[in-house]
Amino acid sequence: MNLPQDYFQQALALHQAGQLAQAQSMYQQILAAQPNHFAALHMLGVIASQTNNFQRAVDLIGQAIQIQPGNPTFYFNRANALKELSQFQAARASYEKAIALKPDYVVAHHARAVLLADMDQHQAALAGFDKAIALAPNDAFILNNRGNTLQKLKQFQLAADSYQRAIHIMPNFAQAFNNLGNTLHELGQLDAAVAMYDKAVFIDPEFDDAQWNKSYTLLTRGDFANGLPLHERRWKSSAYQALQRNFTQPLWLGGQSLANKTILLHSEQGLGDTIQFCRYAKMVAALGARVILEVPHTLVGLLKSIDGVHELVARGSALPPFEYHCPLLSLPLAFQTNLASIPSGERYVSADPIKVEQWKLKLGAKTQPRVGVVWCSTSKFPGDAMRSLRLQDFARALADRGCEYICLQKEINAADKKTLKSLGNIRFFGEDLNDFSDTASLIECLDIVVGTCTSVPHLACALGKPTYLLLSYAPDWRWLLNRNDSPWYPSAKLFRQESPGAWDGVFANVKVELEKFLAKLS
């Protein structure tokens, strides 16, 4: 087959114009005439990537590399396809080969750094972003991604500086404004954070993540009147779209009468959230509704007798008929909750009395106060790093003597298992904790619970048990700021970091207060 000398250039022009099918056909014709035409092989691989056929992209570009092994662009595009296939180590090696062939290859340095961040290798990612910035100091996108990695490393002020540099270069960079708002929130600068979210939304009125982030900050500072309506934007945010339930029945947010109606209240987030907001079921029932409550299976035993619930359903089971639905975290909005009207009481869940007696037998005779402890979450919640501690660090918050410690975690990681064994003063019953009704019954046998912001302290507070809660500098919105009590939980006492990452003072304060509490029981 005789093809014009500029046939590849014609195909490339069509490719660059977005006419992929025509370009692909021409590249294939070139290869039929010249099987070793590495440029055509490479561009067919690029089209395969553009059409989400990533394995074919890897194969085609790999053939091009075999023929022409010295082209850095080939390695770069192969790395992009490997990343899409979640073959991260192979992608990293391919990026690094591209960089070795072309040390000033900015986009390869940047892409490699993004990959390392995705692999949670944040320190290595930061070094990669710094190299890319050294080569391209005015690239706002690299600066923005560098800020994201600094935020993961909890270097919040440096992250803010990186976002501000990006914004200076690109004043209409909505994502950088949003990210700067997140960082300012972590630094406790809530008014400044709200201003950044507002700028992001001004640039992009459909920026749902920025709207949701703003709601979180407003709620943290106690502005429920503005924060709760905006919190409904969570369903349009990137983090929540997959969680939204597409019921045909209408959403109830307080506007319609529920007299003689059946409503489904359904959990949407973590176990602690479900425990905290199921308290509203009683209020919904008081409006004349028949209440169906859908919760994760592990909470069914705990919540089977909660006030206001006519039928309890485990998530994943077939749902009975209903006329309205409401996610649990939308109920504060439905009841126009403010700080003064939060429905709080000493306790609103109860433990199974038979299980309580079984736990008393299992624990044995009580000779000193019993303290429940929880320091780490095993969930996949993005903020786990802010609420999970190593046991060897958390132990510094515990009194040295005068009590018996009971671990309330079902699971413990390998490092903490070693610490648990070396400490020798914390009893572990993980295999006996089959669901939260077991945990609740064990908590009833204790005098106090000490823990970080996981689901277990929510349970302890819902049971009315005295609870010491160790909080990060910028905790979840429900804990508000600048107070050591909680309007949600009368039995909670809050111990806060005085600056980001500063746990030492928290440990010291908890230990002092715990020793005082135990002394009163002696």
Protein backbone atom coordinates (compact mmCIF):
# COMPACT_ATOMS: atom_id res chain seq x y z
CA MET A 1 0.00 0.00 0.00
CA ASN A 2 1.44 3.34 -1.08
CA LEU A 3 0.51 6.18 1.25
CA PRO A 4 1.29 9.89 0.87
CA GLN A 5 4.41 11.02 2.74
CA ASP A 6 2.34 13.30 4.95
CA TYR A 7 -0.30 10.66 5.75
CA PHE A 8 0.75 10.41 9.39
CA GLN A 9 0.55 14.20 9.74
CA GLN A 10 -2.96 14.13 8.26
CA ALA A 11 -3.98 11.45 10.77
CA LEU A 12 -2.41 13.43 13.59
CA ALA A 13 -4.31 16.56 12.57
CA LEU A 14 -7.59 14.63 12.65
CA HIS A 15 -6.64 13.21 16.04
CA GLN A 16 -5.91 16.65 17.43
CA ALA A 17 -9.25 17.86 16.05
CA GLY A 18 -11.04 15.16 18.08
CA GLN A 19 -11.97 12.96 15.12
CA LEU A 20 -10.71 9.82 16.80
CA ALA A 21 -12.38 7.20 14.60
CA GLN A 22 -10.97 8.67 11.39
CA ALA A 23 -7.52 9.12 12.91
CA GLN A 24 -7.53 5.57 14.26
CA SER A 25 -8.39 4.19 10.83
CA MET A 26 -5.53 6.11 9.24
CA TYR A 27 -3.02 5.01 11.90
CA GLN A 28 -4.08 1.40 11.26
CA GLN A 29 -3.55 1.87 7.54
CA ILE A 30 -0.05 3.19 8.22
CA LEU A 31 0.74 0.12 10.34
CA ALA A 32 -0.60 -2.20 7.66
CA ALA A 33 1.97 -0.70 5.29
CA GLN A 34 4.71 -0.14 7.93
CA PRO A 35 4.30 -2.52 10.91
CA ASN A 36 7.20 -0.88 12.78
CA HIS A 37 5.85 2.66 12.54
CA PHE A 38 6.37 3.45 16.23
CA ALA A 39 4.65 6.83 16.05
CA ALA A 40 1.43 5.27 14.69
CA LEU A 41 1.59 2.55 17.38
CA HIS A 42 2.00 5.22 20.05
CA MET A 43 -0.89 7.33 18.81
CA LEU A 44 -3.16 4.30 18.56
CA GLY A 45 -2.28 3.70 22.19
CA VAL A 46 -3.19 7.28 23.02
CA ILE A 47 -6.58 6.83 21.32
CA ALA A 48 -7.09 3.63 23.31
CA SER A 49 -6.50 5.61 26.51
CA GLN A 50 -8.87 8.34 25.36
CA THR A 51 -11.58 5.73 24.81
CA ASN A 52 -10.90 4.04 28.20
CA ASN A 53 -9.31 0.91 26.73
CA PHE A 54 -6.32 1.19 29.01
CA GLN A 55 -4.93 -2.33 28.66
CA ARG A 56 -4.84 -1.95 24.87
CA ALA A 57 -3.13 1.41 25.38
CA VAL A 58 -0.42 -0.22 27.49
CA ASP A 59 0.09 -2.96 24.89
CA LEU A 60 0.28 -0.61 21.91
CA ILE A 61 2.56 1.92 23.54
CA GLY A 62 4.68 -0.95 24.83
CA GLN A 63 5.17 -2.09 21.22
CA ALA A 64 6.20 1.44 20.27
CA ILE A 65 8.74 1.47 23.12
CA GLN A 66 10.25 -1.81 21.94
CA ILE A 67 10.91 -0.23 18.55
CA GLN A 68 11.90 3.22 19.84
CA PRO A 69 13.01 2.91 23.50
CA GLY A 70 14.39 6.42 23.82
CA ASN A 71 11.21 8.48 23.57
CA PRO A 72 10.15 9.91 26.98
CA THR A 73 6.62 10.72 25.77
CA PHE A 74 5.96 7.04 25.16
CA TYR A 75 6.83 6.16 28.75
CA PHE A 76 4.75 9.06 30.06
CA ASN A 77 1.59 8.03 28.19
CA ARG A 78 2.09 4.38 29.09
CA ALA A 79 2.37 5.42 32.75
CA ASN A 80 -0.93 7.29 32.49
CA ALA A 81 -2.66 4.15 31.20
CA LEU A 82 -1.03 1.95 33.85
CA LYS A 83 -2.28 4.32 36.54
CA GLU A 84 -5.83 3.98 35.24
CA LEU A 85 -5.42 0.20 35.54
CA SER A 86 -4.36 0.71 39.19
CA GLN A 87 -0.95 -0.75 38.36
CA PHE A 88 0.69 1.94 40.46
CA GLN A 89 4.19 0.54 40.82
CA ALA A 90 4.46 -0.08 37.07
CA ALA A 91 3.10 3.42 36.42
CA ARG A 92 5.66 4.91 38.78
CA ALA A 93 8.49 3.07 37.03
CA SER A 94 7.28 4.30 33.65
CA TYR A 95 7.07 7.92 34.84
CA GLU A 96 10.57 7.62 36.26
CA LYS A 97 11.89 6.24 32.95
CA ALA A 98 10.38 9.24 31.16
CA ILE A 99 12.07 11.57 33.65
CA ALA A 100 15.39 9.76 33.29
CA LEU A 101 15.25 10.33 29.55
CA LYS A 102 14.14 13.95 29.97
CA PRO A 103 15.06 15.35 33.41
CA ASP A 104 13.17 18.62 32.80
CA TYR A 105 9.94 16.82 31.84
CA VAL A 106 7.60 18.92 34.00
CA VAL A 107 4.35 17.07 33.33
CA ALA A 108 6.03 13.75 34.14
CA HIS A 109 7.37 15.09 37.45
CA HIS A 110 3.89 16.42 38.25
CA ALA A 111 2.07 13.21 37.25
CA ARG A 112 4.52 11.09 39.22
CA ALA A 113 3.96 13.25 42.30
CA VAL A 114 0.18 12.97 41.94
CA LEU A 115 0.55 9.19 41.67
CA LEU A 116 2.67 9.06 44.82
CA ALA A 117 0.03 11.10 46.65
CA ASP A 118 -2.63 8.64 45.48
CA MET A 119 -0.43 5.86 46.90
CA ASP A 120 -0.35 7.72 50.26
CA GLN A 121 3.39 8.31 49.90
CA HIS A 122 2.96 11.95 50.74
CA GLN A 123 6.52 12.83 51.71
CA ALA A 124 7.82 11.44 48.41
CA ALA A 125 4.97 13.18 46.60
CA LEU A 126 5.94 16.51 48.17
CA ALA A 127 9.50 16.12 46.92
CA GLY A 128 8.09 15.43 43.45
CA PHE A 129 5.89 18.51 43.50
CA ASP A 130 8.82 20.62 44.67
CA LYS A 131 10.89 19.37 41.71
CA ALA A 132 8.04 20.18 39.32
CA ILE A 133 7.65 23.66 40.84
CA ALA A 134 11.38 24.28 40.49
CA LEU A 135 10.99 23.60 36.78
CA ALA A 136 7.66 25.45 36.39
CA PRO A 137 7.30 27.98 39.24
CA ASN A 138 4.19 29.58 37.72
CA ASP A 139 2.12 26.44 37.29
CA ALA A 140 -0.95 26.95 39.49
CA PHE A 141 -2.11 23.35 39.14
CA ILE A 142 1.13 21.96 40.52
CA LEU A 143 0.98 24.42 43.42
CA ASN A 144 -2.61 23.39 44.14
CA ASN A 145 -1.73 19.69 44.21
CA ARG A 146 1.32 20.45 46.33
CA GLY A 147 -1.03 22.15 48.80
CA ASN A 148 -3.20 19.04 48.89
CA THR A 149 -0.21 16.92 49.84
CA LEU A 150 0.93 19.37 52.50
CA GLN A 151 -2.56 19.22 53.95
CA LYS A 152 -2.34 15.40 54.08
CA LEU A 153 0.95 15.84 55.95
CA LYS A 154 -0.88 18.19 58.35
CA GLN A 155 1.42 21.05 57.41
CA PHE A 156 -1.53 23.38 57.16
CA GLN A 157 0.20 26.74 57.06
CA LEU A 158 2.52 25.59 54.27
CA ALA A 159 -0.50 24.20 52.44
CA ALA A 160 -2.25 27.56 52.73
CA ASP A 161 0.85 29.28 51.34
CA SER A 162 0.88 26.93 48.35
CA TYR A 163 -2.79 27.54 47.58
CA GLN A 164 -2.30 31.29 47.88
CA ARG A 165 0.56 31.14 45.37
CA ALA A 166 -1.69 29.21 43.00
CA ILE A 167 -4.45 31.80 43.37
CA HIS A 168 -2.01 34.66 42.79
CA ILE A 169 -1.06 33.04 39.49
CA MET A 170 -4.63 32.07 38.55
CA PRO A 171 -7.13 34.39 40.29
CA ASN A 172 -10.14 32.44 38.96
CA PHE A 173 -8.93 29.07 40.28
CA ALA A 174 -12.08 27.97 42.13
CA GLN A 175 -10.63 24.66 43.31
CA ALA A 176 -7.66 26.40 44.93
CA PHE A 177 -10.02 28.77 46.80
CA ASN A 178 -12.00 25.75 48.03
CA ASN A 179 -8.85 23.93 49.13
CA LEU A 180 -7.58 27.05 50.87
CA GLY A 181 -10.90 27.23 52.70
CA ASN A 182 -10.44 23.65 53.90
CA THR A 183 -6.96 24.44 55.17
CA LEU A 184 -8.06 27.61 56.95
CA HIS A 185 -10.80 25.55 58.61
CA GLU A 186 -8.13 23.15 59.90
CA LEU A 187 -6.23 26.15 61.24
CA GLY A 188 -9.34 27.30 63.10
CA GLN A 189 -9.75 30.41 60.93
CA LEU A 190 -13.42 29.79 60.23
CA ASP A 191 -14.46 33.25 59.03
CA ALA A 192 -11.58 33.29 56.55
CA ALA A 193 -12.52 29.78 55.43
CA VAL A 194 -16.10 30.87 54.69
CA ALA A 195 -14.75 33.80 52.67
CA MET A 196 -12.68 31.41 50.53
CA TYR A 197 -15.66 29.13 49.89
CA ASP A 198 -17.69 32.16 48.87
CA LYS A 199 -15.01 33.15 46.37
CA ALA A 200 -14.94 29.62 44.96
CA VAL A 201 -18.72 29.67 44.49
CA PHE A 202 -18.62 33.18 42.99
CA ILE A 203 -16.24 31.85 40.34
CA ASP A 204 -18.20 28.63 39.86
CA PRO A 205 -21.82 28.84 41.11
CA GLU A 206 -22.25 25.08 40.56
CA PHE A 207 -19.30 24.17 42.77
CA ASP A 208 -21.21 21.86 45.11
CA ASP A 209 -18.16 20.70 47.08
CA ALA A 210 -17.42 24.30 48.07
CA GLN A 211 -21.03 24.84 49.14
CA TRP A 212 -20.96 21.69 51.26
CA ASN A 213 -17.60 22.61 52.79
CA LYS A 214 -19.00 26.01 53.67
CA SER A 215 -21.93 24.36 55.44
CA TYR A 216 -19.52 22.28 57.50
CA THR A 217 -17.65 25.39 58.61
CA LEU A 218 -20.87 27.27 59.42
CA LEU A 219 -22.08 24.34 61.51
CA THR A 220 -18.75 24.14 63.31
CA ARG A 221 -19.13 27.71 64.48
CA GLY A 222 -22.69 26.99 65.61
CA ASP A 223 -24.51 28.78 62.77
CA PHE A 224 -27.19 26.16 62.27
CA ALA A 225 -29.64 28.61 60.67
CA ASN A 226 -27.37 29.02 57.64
CA GLY A 227 -25.38 25.82 57.88
CA LEU A 228 -28.17 23.23 57.97
CA PRO A 229 -29.94 24.31 54.73
CA LEU A 230 -26.59 24.46 52.94
CA HIS A 231 -25.68 21.04 54.34
CA GLU A 232 -28.26 19.55 51.97
CA ARG A 233 -25.79 20.32 49.18
CA ARG A 234 -23.81 17.31 50.38
CA TRP A 235 -25.89 15.14 48.05
CA LYS A 236 -24.42 16.96 45.06
CA SER A 237 -20.85 16.84 46.35
CA SER A 238 -18.33 14.38 44.92
CA ALA A 239 -18.12 12.53 48.25
CA TYR A 240 -21.86 11.89 48.63
CA GLN A 241 -23.34 11.36 45.19
CA ALA A 242 -22.82 7.61 45.43
CA LEU A 243 -24.58 7.54 48.83
CA GLN A 244 -27.80 9.21 47.73
CA ARG A 245 -30.92 7.02 47.80
CA ASN A 246 -33.11 7.43 44.75
CA PHE A 247 -36.51 6.81 46.29
CA THR A 248 -39.64 7.65 44.34
CA GLN A 249 -41.31 8.79 47.58
CA PRO A 250 -40.82 12.50 48.39
CA LEU A 251 -38.13 13.77 50.74
CA TRP A 252 -39.53 15.16 53.97
CA LEU A 253 -37.77 18.20 55.42
CA GLY A 254 -40.51 19.35 57.76
CA GLY A 255 -42.87 20.92 55.25
CA GLN A 256 -45.58 18.29 54.90
CA SER A 257 -47.93 16.96 57.57
CA LEU A 258 -46.99 13.47 58.75
CA ALA A 259 -50.29 12.75 60.50
CA ASN A 260 -51.22 9.14 59.75
CA LYS A 261 -48.32 8.85 57.30
CA THR A 262 -45.46 6.37 57.21
CA ILE A 263 -41.94 7.77 56.91
CA LEU A 264 -38.62 6.02 56.40
CA LEU A 265 -35.70 7.47 58.35
CA HIS A 266 -32.46 6.09 56.95
CA SER A 267 -28.84 6.22 57.99
CA GLU A 268 -26.42 7.74 55.53
CA GLN A 269 -22.99 8.10 57.08
CA GLY A 270 -21.09 6.45 59.91
CA LEU A 271 -22.27 4.40 62.86
CA GLY A 272 -21.67 7.29 65.25
CA ASP A 273 -23.84 9.55 63.10
CA THR A 274 -26.67 7.02 63.22
CA ILE A 275 -26.42 6.75 66.99
CA GLN A 276 -26.37 10.52 67.39
CA PHE A 277 -29.29 11.41 65.12
CA CYS A 278 -31.65 8.49 65.73
CA ARG A 279 -32.81 10.56 68.75
CA TYR A 280 -35.04 12.48 66.33
CA ALA A 281 -37.21 9.40 65.67
CA LYS A 282 -39.25 10.18 68.79
CA MET A 283 -39.91 13.72 67.55
CA VAL A 284 -41.00 12.47 64.13
CA ALA A 285 -43.39 9.99 65.73
CA ALA A 286 -44.84 12.80 67.85
CA LEU A 287 -46.02 14.43 64.62
CA GLY A 288 -48.39 11.51 64.11
CA ALA A 289 -46.15 9.48 61.82
CA ARG A 290 -45.47 5.79 61.73
CA VAL A 291 -41.67 5.64 61.75
CA ILE A 292 -39.56 3.04 59.96
CA LEU A 293 -35.87 3.29 60.87
CA GLU A 294 -33.29 1.73 58.56
CA VAL A 295 -29.82 1.26 60.08
CA PRO A 296 -26.68 -0.82 59.49
CA HIS A 297 -27.01 -4.41 60.63
CA THR A 298 -24.57 -3.97 63.50
CA LEU A 299 -26.91 -1.39 65.11
CA VAL A 300 -30.16 -3.37 64.88
CA GLY A 301 -29.78 -5.08 68.26
CA LEU A 302 -28.97 -1.78 69.97
CA LEU A 303 -31.80 0.28 68.47
CA LYS A 304 -34.62 -2.27 68.49
CA SER A 305 -36.33 -0.59 71.44
CA ILE A 306 -35.59 3.08 70.74
CA ASP A 307 -38.49 5.44 71.37
CA GLY A 308 -40.61 6.48 68.41
CA VAL A 309 -39.64 3.66 66.06
CA HIS A 310 -42.46 1.40 64.91
CA GLU A 311 -40.35 -0.81 62.68
CA LEU A 312 -36.59 -1.32 62.53
CA VAL A 313 -34.98 -2.54 59.31
CA ALA A 314 -31.41 -3.62 58.64
CA ARG A 315 -29.92 -1.83 55.67
CA GLY A 316 -29.96 -4.11 52.64
CA SER A 317 -33.21 -5.78 53.66
CA ALA A 318 -36.46 -5.29 51.77
CA LEU A 319 -38.18 -2.08 52.82
CA PRO A 320 -41.86 -1.99 53.84
CA PRO A 321 -44.15 0.56 52.15
CA PHE A 322 -43.68 4.21 53.14
CA GLU A 323 -44.90 7.59 51.96
CA TYR A 324 -41.99 9.90 52.84
CA HIS A 325 -38.32 9.49 53.58
CA CYS A 326 -35.66 11.52 55.35
CA PRO A 327 -31.92 10.89 55.86
CA LEU A 328 -31.03 11.03 59.55
CA LEU A 329 -28.67 13.98 59.13
CA SER A 330 -31.42 16.02 57.51
CA LEU A 331 -33.64 15.77 60.60
CA PRO A 332 -31.96 18.70 62.41
CA LEU A 333 -32.96 20.86 59.43
CA ALA A 334 -36.47 19.42 59.34
CA PHE A 335 -36.95 20.47 62.98
CA GLN A 336 -35.12 23.80 62.49
CA THR A 337 -32.66 22.84 65.21
CA ASN A 338 -30.48 25.47 66.81
CA LEU A 339 -28.03 25.28 69.69
CA ALA A 340 -30.78 25.95 72.22
CA SER A 341 -33.24 23.41 70.81
CA ILE A 342 -31.01 20.38 70.34
CA PRO A 343 -32.98 17.40 71.69
CA SER A 344 -30.61 16.22 74.39
CA GLY A 345 -31.21 14.09 77.42
CA GLU A 346 -29.19 11.98 79.78
CA ARG A 347 -29.82 8.83 77.72
CA TYR A 348 -31.97 7.76 74.80
CA VAL A 349 -30.71 4.25 74.06
CA SER A 350 -30.61 1.34 76.46
CA ALA A 351 -28.65 -1.86 76.88
CA ASP A 352 -30.08 -5.35 76.98
CA PRO A 353 -30.37 -6.19 80.72
CA ILE A 354 -29.70 -9.88 80.08
CA LYS A 355 -26.49 -9.08 78.23
CA VAL A 356 -25.48 -6.65 81.00
CA GLU A 357 -25.70 -9.46 83.53
CA GLN A 358 -23.70 -11.73 81.23
CA TRP A 359 -20.98 -9.10 81.00
CA LYS A 360 -20.89 -8.69 84.76
CA LEU A 361 -20.18 -12.40 85.07
CA LYS A 362 -17.56 -12.27 82.35
CA LEU A 363 -15.79 -9.31 83.97
CA GLY A 364 -15.80 -10.90 87.40
CA ALA A 365 -16.01 -9.25 90.79
CA LYS A 366 -15.51 -5.50 90.66
CA THR A 367 -12.76 -4.37 93.05
CA GLN A 368 -12.04 -0.92 91.60
CA PRO A 369 -13.55 1.53 89.09
CA ARG A 370 -13.73 0.38 85.49
CA VAL A 371 -12.72 2.65 82.63
CA GLY A 372 -13.60 1.90 79.01
CA VAL A 373 -11.06 3.03 76.42
CA VAL A 374 -11.12 3.50 72.65
CA TRP A 375 -8.36 5.24 70.72
CA CYS A 376 -8.54 4.18 67.09
CA SER A 377 -11.05 3.73 64.29
CA THR A 378 -10.84 0.98 61.70
CA SER A 379 -13.28 2.61 59.29
CA LYS A 380 -12.35 4.05 55.89
CA PHE A 381 -13.55 7.53 56.85
CA PRO A 382 -11.26 10.11 55.17
CA GLY A 383 -10.71 11.95 58.45
CA ASP A 384 -9.61 8.89 60.43
CA ALA A 385 -6.06 10.19 60.77
CA MET A 386 -7.42 13.10 62.81
CA ARG A 387 -9.27 10.89 65.29
CA SER A 388 -7.11 7.77 65.53
CA LEU A 389 -4.11 7.46 67.84
CA ARG A 390 -1.47 4.87 68.55
CA LEU A 391 -2.15 3.08 71.82
CA GLN A 392 1.34 3.92 73.08
CA ASP A 393 0.46 7.62 72.74
CA PHE A 394 -3.12 7.36 73.99
CA ALA A 395 -1.94 5.50 77.11
CA ARG A 396 -0.37 8.77 78.30
CA ALA A 397 -3.91 10.03 78.96
CA LEU A 398 -4.66 7.21 81.40
CA ALA A 399 -4.26 7.18 85.17
CA ASP A 400 -1.39 4.99 86.33
CA ARG A 401 -3.37 3.17 89.02
CA GLY A 402 -6.68 2.96 90.84
CA CYS A 403 -8.83 1.44 88.10
CA GLU A 404 -9.35 -1.40 85.67
CA TYR A 405 -9.16 -0.59 81.95
CA ILE A 406 -11.51 -2.26 79.46
CA CYS A 407 -10.88 -1.95 75.71
CA LEU A 408 -14.09 -1.19 73.82
CA GLN A 409 -12.65 -1.75 70.35
CA LYS A 410 -13.56 -4.90 68.46
CA GLU A 411 -10.42 -4.71 66.33
CA ILE A 412 -6.85 -3.62 67.09
CA ASN A 413 -4.06 -3.16 64.58
CA ALA A 414 -0.83 -5.14 64.80
CA ALA A 415 1.25 -2.37 66.38
CA ASP A 416 -1.36 -1.71 69.06
CA LYS A 417 -1.62 -5.42 69.84
CA LYS A 418 2.05 -5.37 70.79
CA THR A 419 1.52 -2.29 72.96
CA LEU A 420 -1.56 -3.83 74.56
CA LYS A 421 0.47 -6.87 75.54
CA SER A 422 3.35 -4.81 76.89
CA LEU A 423 1.06 -2.54 78.95
CA GLY A 424 -0.68 -5.49 80.50
CA ASN A 425 -3.40 -3.42 82.20
CA ILE A 426 -6.10 -3.22 79.50
CA ARG A 427 -8.52 -6.11 79.14
CA PHE A 428 -9.56 -6.91 75.57
CA PHE A 429 -12.86 -8.60 74.61
CA GLY A 430 -12.91 -8.02 70.86
CA GLU A 431 -14.15 -11.49 69.94
CA ASP A 432 -17.12 -11.08 72.29
CA LEU A 433 -18.27 -7.80 70.72
CA ASN A 434 -20.48 -9.07 67.91
CA ASP A 435 -22.52 -5.90 67.50
CA PHE A 436 -23.25 -2.63 69.26
CA SER A 437 -25.75 -4.20 71.64
CA ASP A 438 -22.81 -6.14 73.07
CA THR A 439 -20.73 -2.98 73.32
CA ALA A 440 -23.60 -1.11 75.00
CA SER A 441 -24.02 -3.86 77.57
CA LEU A 442 -20.31 -3.82 78.34
CA ILE A 443 -20.35 -0.01 78.70
CA GLU A 444 -23.16 -0.33 81.26
CA CYS A 445 -20.73 -2.23 83.45
CA LEU A 446 -18.21 0.64 83.42
CA ASP A 447 -17.90 3.88 85.34
CA ILE A 448 -16.58 6.09 82.55
CA VAL A 449 -15.43 5.93 78.91
CA VAL A 450 -12.34 7.70 77.54
CA GLY A 451 -11.80 7.85 73.82
CA THR A 452 -11.28 9.67 70.55
CA CYS A 453 -14.10 10.65 68.19
CA THR A 454 -15.23 7.21 67.03
CA SER A 455 -18.66 5.59 67.20
CA VAL A 456 -18.07 4.12 70.67
CA PRO A 457 -18.05 7.45 72.58
CA HIS A 458 -21.28 8.34 70.74
CA LEU A 459 -22.75 5.13 72.12
CA ALA A 460 -21.44 5.81 75.63
CA CYS A 461 -22.96 9.30 75.60
CA ALA A 462 -26.26 8.03 74.21
CA LEU A 463 -26.32 5.64 77.20
CA GLY A 464 -25.72 8.61 79.53
CA LYS A 465 -22.33 7.28 80.61
CA PRO A 466 -19.70 9.87 81.67
CA THR A 467 -17.40 10.19 78.67
CA TYR A 468 -14.11 12.00 78.14
CA LEU A 469 -13.62 12.79 74.45
CA LEU A 470 -10.20 13.65 72.99
CA LEU A 471 -10.60 15.99 70.02
CA SER A 472 -8.33 17.35 67.30
CA TYR A 473 -7.88 21.10 66.85
CA ALA A 474 -10.54 21.25 64.11
CA PRO A 475 -12.93 18.44 65.06
CA ASP A 476 -16.13 17.32 63.43
CA TRP A 477 -18.75 20.08 63.32
CA ARG A 478 -20.96 18.51 66.00
CA TRP A 479 -18.36 19.27 68.70
CA LEU A 480 -18.35 23.00 67.83
CA LEU A 481 -15.42 25.09 69.14
CA ASN A 482 -14.19 26.70 72.35
CA ARG A 483 -16.24 24.66 74.80
CA ASN A 484 -15.62 21.58 76.94
CA ASP A 485 -19.22 20.41 76.97
CA SER A 486 -21.58 19.26 74.23
CA PRO A 487 -25.17 20.40 73.71
CA TRP A 488 -25.76 17.01 72.08
CA TYR A 489 -24.51 14.91 74.98
CA PRO A 490 -24.83 16.11 78.61
CA SER A 491 -22.52 13.35 79.86
CA ALA A 492 -19.61 14.30 77.57
CA LYS A 493 -16.56 16.29 78.56
CA LEU A 494 -14.41 17.53 75.68
CA PHE A 495 -10.63 17.84 75.67
CA ARG A 496 -9.32 19.81 72.70
CA GLN A 497 -5.94 20.32 71.06
CA GLU A 498 -4.70 23.88 71.50
CA SER A 499 -3.04 23.81 68.06
CA PRO A 500 -3.10 21.35 65.13
CA GLY A 501 -1.49 18.06 66.08
CA ALA A 502 -0.81 19.07 69.70
CA TRP A 503 -1.90 15.99 71.64
CA ASP A 504 0.48 16.37 74.60
CA GLY A 505 -1.68 18.91 76.40
CA VAL A 506 -4.80 16.84 75.75
CA PHE A 507 -3.21 13.73 77.24
CA ALA A 508 -2.06 15.64 80.31
CA ASN A 509 -5.44 17.25 80.92
CA VAL A 510 -7.36 14.00 80.48
CA LYS A 511 -5.05 12.21 82.90
CA VAL A 512 -5.53 14.87 85.58
CA GLU A 513 -9.33 14.86 85.20
CA LEU A 514 -9.50 11.07 85.11
CA GLU A 515 -7.51 10.83 88.33
CA LYS A 516 -9.93 13.30 89.97
CA PHE A 517 -12.92 11.30 88.73
CA LEU A 518 -11.49 8.06 90.05
CA ALA A 519 -10.63 9.63 93.40
CA LYS A 520 -14.29 10.57 93.89
CA LEU A 521 -15.26 6.93 93.37
CA SER A 522 -12.76 5.61 95.91
